[in-house]
Amino acid sequence: MARVGGTLVAHATTDPMADLIRAQRLAVEPAESKGYDPDHPRNLSRSVILSP
């Protein structure tokens, strides 16, 4: 985070899972505003393909 100028503010009273949801929502909003589909990132392919 320091490399991109971010800071982490930890609150002992918050639920860590709730913080993950907040972080996800914080990342999705700017991606969608730029026209990106966060559920189907470009240049990302499956790294593991399982045989039936």
C-alpha atoms as a PDB file:
ATOM      1  CA  MET A   1       0.000   0.000   0.000  1.00  0.00           C
ATOM      2  CA  ALA A   2       2.826   2.386   0.747  1.00  0.00           C
ATOM      3  CA  ARG A   3       4.045   2.047  -2.842  1.00  0.00           C
ATOM      4  CA  VAL A   4       0.794   3.490  -4.205  1.00  0.00           C
ATOM      5  CA  GLY A   5       0.382   6.033  -1.420  1.00  0.00           C
ATOM      6  CA  GLY A   6      -2.273   4.209   0.589  1.00  0.00           C
ATOM      7  CA  THR A   7      -2.604   3.981   4.323  1.00  0.00           C
ATOM      8  CA  LEU A   8      -4.172   1.336   6.495  1.00  0.00           C
ATOM      9  CA  VAL A   9      -6.334   2.454   9.367  1.00  0.00           C
ATOM     10  CA  ALA A  10      -7.222  -0.468  11.606  1.00  0.00           C
ATOM     11  CA  HIS A  11     -10.100  -0.301  14.030  1.00  0.00           C
ATOM     12  CA  ALA A  12     -10.178  -3.027  16.662  1.00  0.00           C
ATOM     13  CA  THR A  13     -13.954  -2.775  16.918  1.00  0.00           C
ATOM     14  CA  THR A  14     -14.722  -3.536  13.267  1.00  0.00           C
ATOM     15  CA  ASP A  15     -15.301  -6.935  11.745  1.00  0.00           C
ATOM     16  CA  PRO A  16     -12.452  -7.910   9.371  1.00  0.00           C
ATOM     17  CA  MET A  17     -14.919  -9.451   6.909  1.00  0.00           C
ATOM     18  CA  ALA A  18     -16.871  -6.201   6.809  1.00  0.00           C
ATOM     19  CA  ASP A  19     -13.623  -4.383   6.022  1.00  0.00           C
ATOM     20  CA  LEU A  20     -13.012  -6.728   3.079  1.00  0.00           C
ATOM     21  CA  ILE A  21     -16.450  -5.927   1.701  1.00  0.00           C
ATOM     22  CA  ARG A  22     -15.786  -2.204   2.045  1.00  0.00           C
ATOM     23  CA  ALA A  23     -12.453  -2.578   0.235  1.00  0.00           C
ATOM     24  CA  GLN A  24     -14.113  -4.542  -2.569  1.00  0.00           C
ATOM     25  CA  ARG A  25     -16.825  -1.917  -3.005  1.00  0.00           C
ATOM     26  CA  LEU A  26     -14.193   0.812  -2.962  1.00  0.00           C
ATOM     27  CA  ALA A  27     -12.340  -0.931  -5.807  1.00  0.00           C
ATOM     28  CA  VAL A  28     -15.423  -1.762  -7.902  1.00  0.00           C
ATOM     29  CA  GLU A  29     -16.821   1.758  -8.083  1.00  0.00           C
ATOM     30  CA  PRO A  30     -13.905   3.410  -9.918  1.00  0.00           C
ATOM     31  CA  ALA A  31     -13.489   0.380 -12.196  1.00  0.00           C
ATOM     32  CA  GLU A  32     -17.108   0.537 -13.305  1.00  0.00           C
ATOM     33  CA  SER A  33     -16.951   4.306 -13.759  1.00  0.00           C
ATOM     34  CA  LYS A  34     -14.082   3.741 -16.223  1.00  0.00           C
ATOM     35  CA  GLY A  35     -16.136   1.181 -18.134  1.00  0.00           C
ATOM     36  CA  TYR A  36     -14.316  -1.907 -16.826  1.00  0.00           C
ATOM     37  CA  ASP A  37     -16.115  -5.087 -15.824  1.00  0.00           C
ATOM     38  CA  PRO A  38     -14.628  -6.139 -12.473  1.00  0.00           C
ATOM     39  CA  ASP A  39     -16.148  -9.623 -12.824  1.00  0.00           C
ATOM     40  CA  HIS A  40     -14.352 -10.250 -16.133  1.00  0.00           C
ATOM     41  CA  PRO A  41     -10.956  -8.546 -16.063  1.00  0.00           C
ATOM     42  CA  ARG A  42      -9.210  -8.248 -19.398  1.00  0.00           C
ATOM     43  CA  ASN A  43      -5.889 -10.035 -19.932  1.00  0.00           C
ATOM     44  CA  LEU A  44      -6.753 -12.583 -17.258  1.00  0.00           C
ATOM     45  CA  SER A  45      -7.044 -16.214 -18.181  1.00  0.00           C
ATOM     46  CA  ARG A  46      -7.628 -19.284 -16.111  1.00  0.00           C
ATOM     47  CA  SER A  47      -4.447 -20.630 -14.595  1.00  0.00           C
ATOM     48  CA  VAL A  48      -5.884 -24.002 -13.577  1.00  0.00           C
ATOM     49  CA  ILE A  49      -8.116 -26.132 -15.759  1.00  0.00           C
ATOM     50  CA  LEU A  50      -9.441 -29.278 -14.113  1.00  0.00           C
ATOM     51  CA  SER A  51     -10.369 -32.316 -16.166  1.00  0.00           C
ATOM     52  CA  PRO A  52     -13.725 -33.957 -15.410  1.00  0.00           C
END
